[in-house]
Amino acid sequence: MVAHSLDARLAVTYAARYPREVERLILVSLPYFGGEEEAQMFVRSRYGSGWLWR
């Protein structure tokens, strides 16, 4: 699986939930937020607080 930018968060979540389905994980151009709280605030401001944070 290859993921770019914010899609990397989705890819990591998917790989954690379904490890048998992901043989390799390549993350490209990850955004820098300074910390977990800043990253969550950024994503929630754009996408809400759905399944991504469960």
Protein backbone atom coordinates (compact mmCIF):
# COMPACT_ATOMS: atom_id res chain seq x y z
CA MET A 1 0.00 0.00 0.00
CA VAL A 2 1.31 3.45 -0.92
CA ALA A 3 -0.10 6.61 0.70
CA HIS A 4 0.69 10.29 0.21
CA SER A 5 0.23 13.23 2.58
CA LEU A 6 -2.90 13.04 4.75
CA ASP A 7 -3.90 9.74 3.17
CA ALA A 8 -0.99 8.28 5.12
CA ARG A 9 -3.14 8.55 8.26
CA LEU A 10 -5.82 6.45 6.59
CA ALA A 11 -3.25 3.93 5.41
CA VAL A 12 -1.75 3.52 8.88
CA THR A 13 -5.22 3.10 10.37
CA TYR A 14 -6.14 0.49 7.76
CA ALA A 15 -2.86 -1.39 8.23
CA ALA A 16 -3.36 -1.44 12.00
CA ARG A 17 -6.90 -2.79 11.67
CA TYR A 18 -6.15 -5.31 8.90
CA PRO A 19 -2.48 -6.31 9.23
CA ARG A 20 -2.94 -9.53 7.24
CA GLU A 21 -4.17 -7.51 4.25
CA VAL A 22 -1.12 -5.22 4.08
CA GLU A 23 2.20 -6.77 3.09
CA ARG A 24 4.09 -3.46 2.84
CA LEU A 25 3.30 0.13 3.72
CA ILE A 26 4.97 3.07 1.96
CA LEU A 27 4.26 6.54 3.33
CA VAL A 28 5.26 9.53 1.15
CA SER A 29 5.40 13.22 2.06
CA LEU A 30 3.87 12.98 5.50
CA PRO A 31 2.57 16.29 6.82
CA TYR A 32 4.31 17.72 9.91
CA PHE A 33 2.01 18.96 12.67
CA GLY A 34 4.33 19.34 15.64
CA GLY A 35 2.46 16.79 17.73
CA GLU A 36 -0.53 14.50 17.98
CA GLU A 37 -2.89 17.17 19.30
CA GLU A 38 -2.12 19.57 16.44
CA ALA A 39 -2.61 16.79 13.89
CA GLN A 40 -5.97 15.81 15.35
CA MET A 41 -7.14 19.43 15.44
CA PHE A 42 -6.17 19.90 11.78
CA VAL A 43 -7.93 16.76 10.53
CA ARG A 44 -11.03 17.32 12.68
CA SER A 45 -11.35 20.89 11.39
CA ARG A 46 -11.48 19.56 7.84
CA TYR A 47 -13.10 16.13 8.13
CA GLY A 48 -15.00 16.08 11.43
CA SER A 49 -14.54 13.48 14.13
CA GLY A 50 -15.70 10.26 12.51
CA TRP A 51 -14.27 6.77 12.36
CA LEU A 52 -10.70 8.02 11.82
CA TRP A 53 -10.22 8.67 15.56
CA ARG A 54 -11.93 5.63 17.02
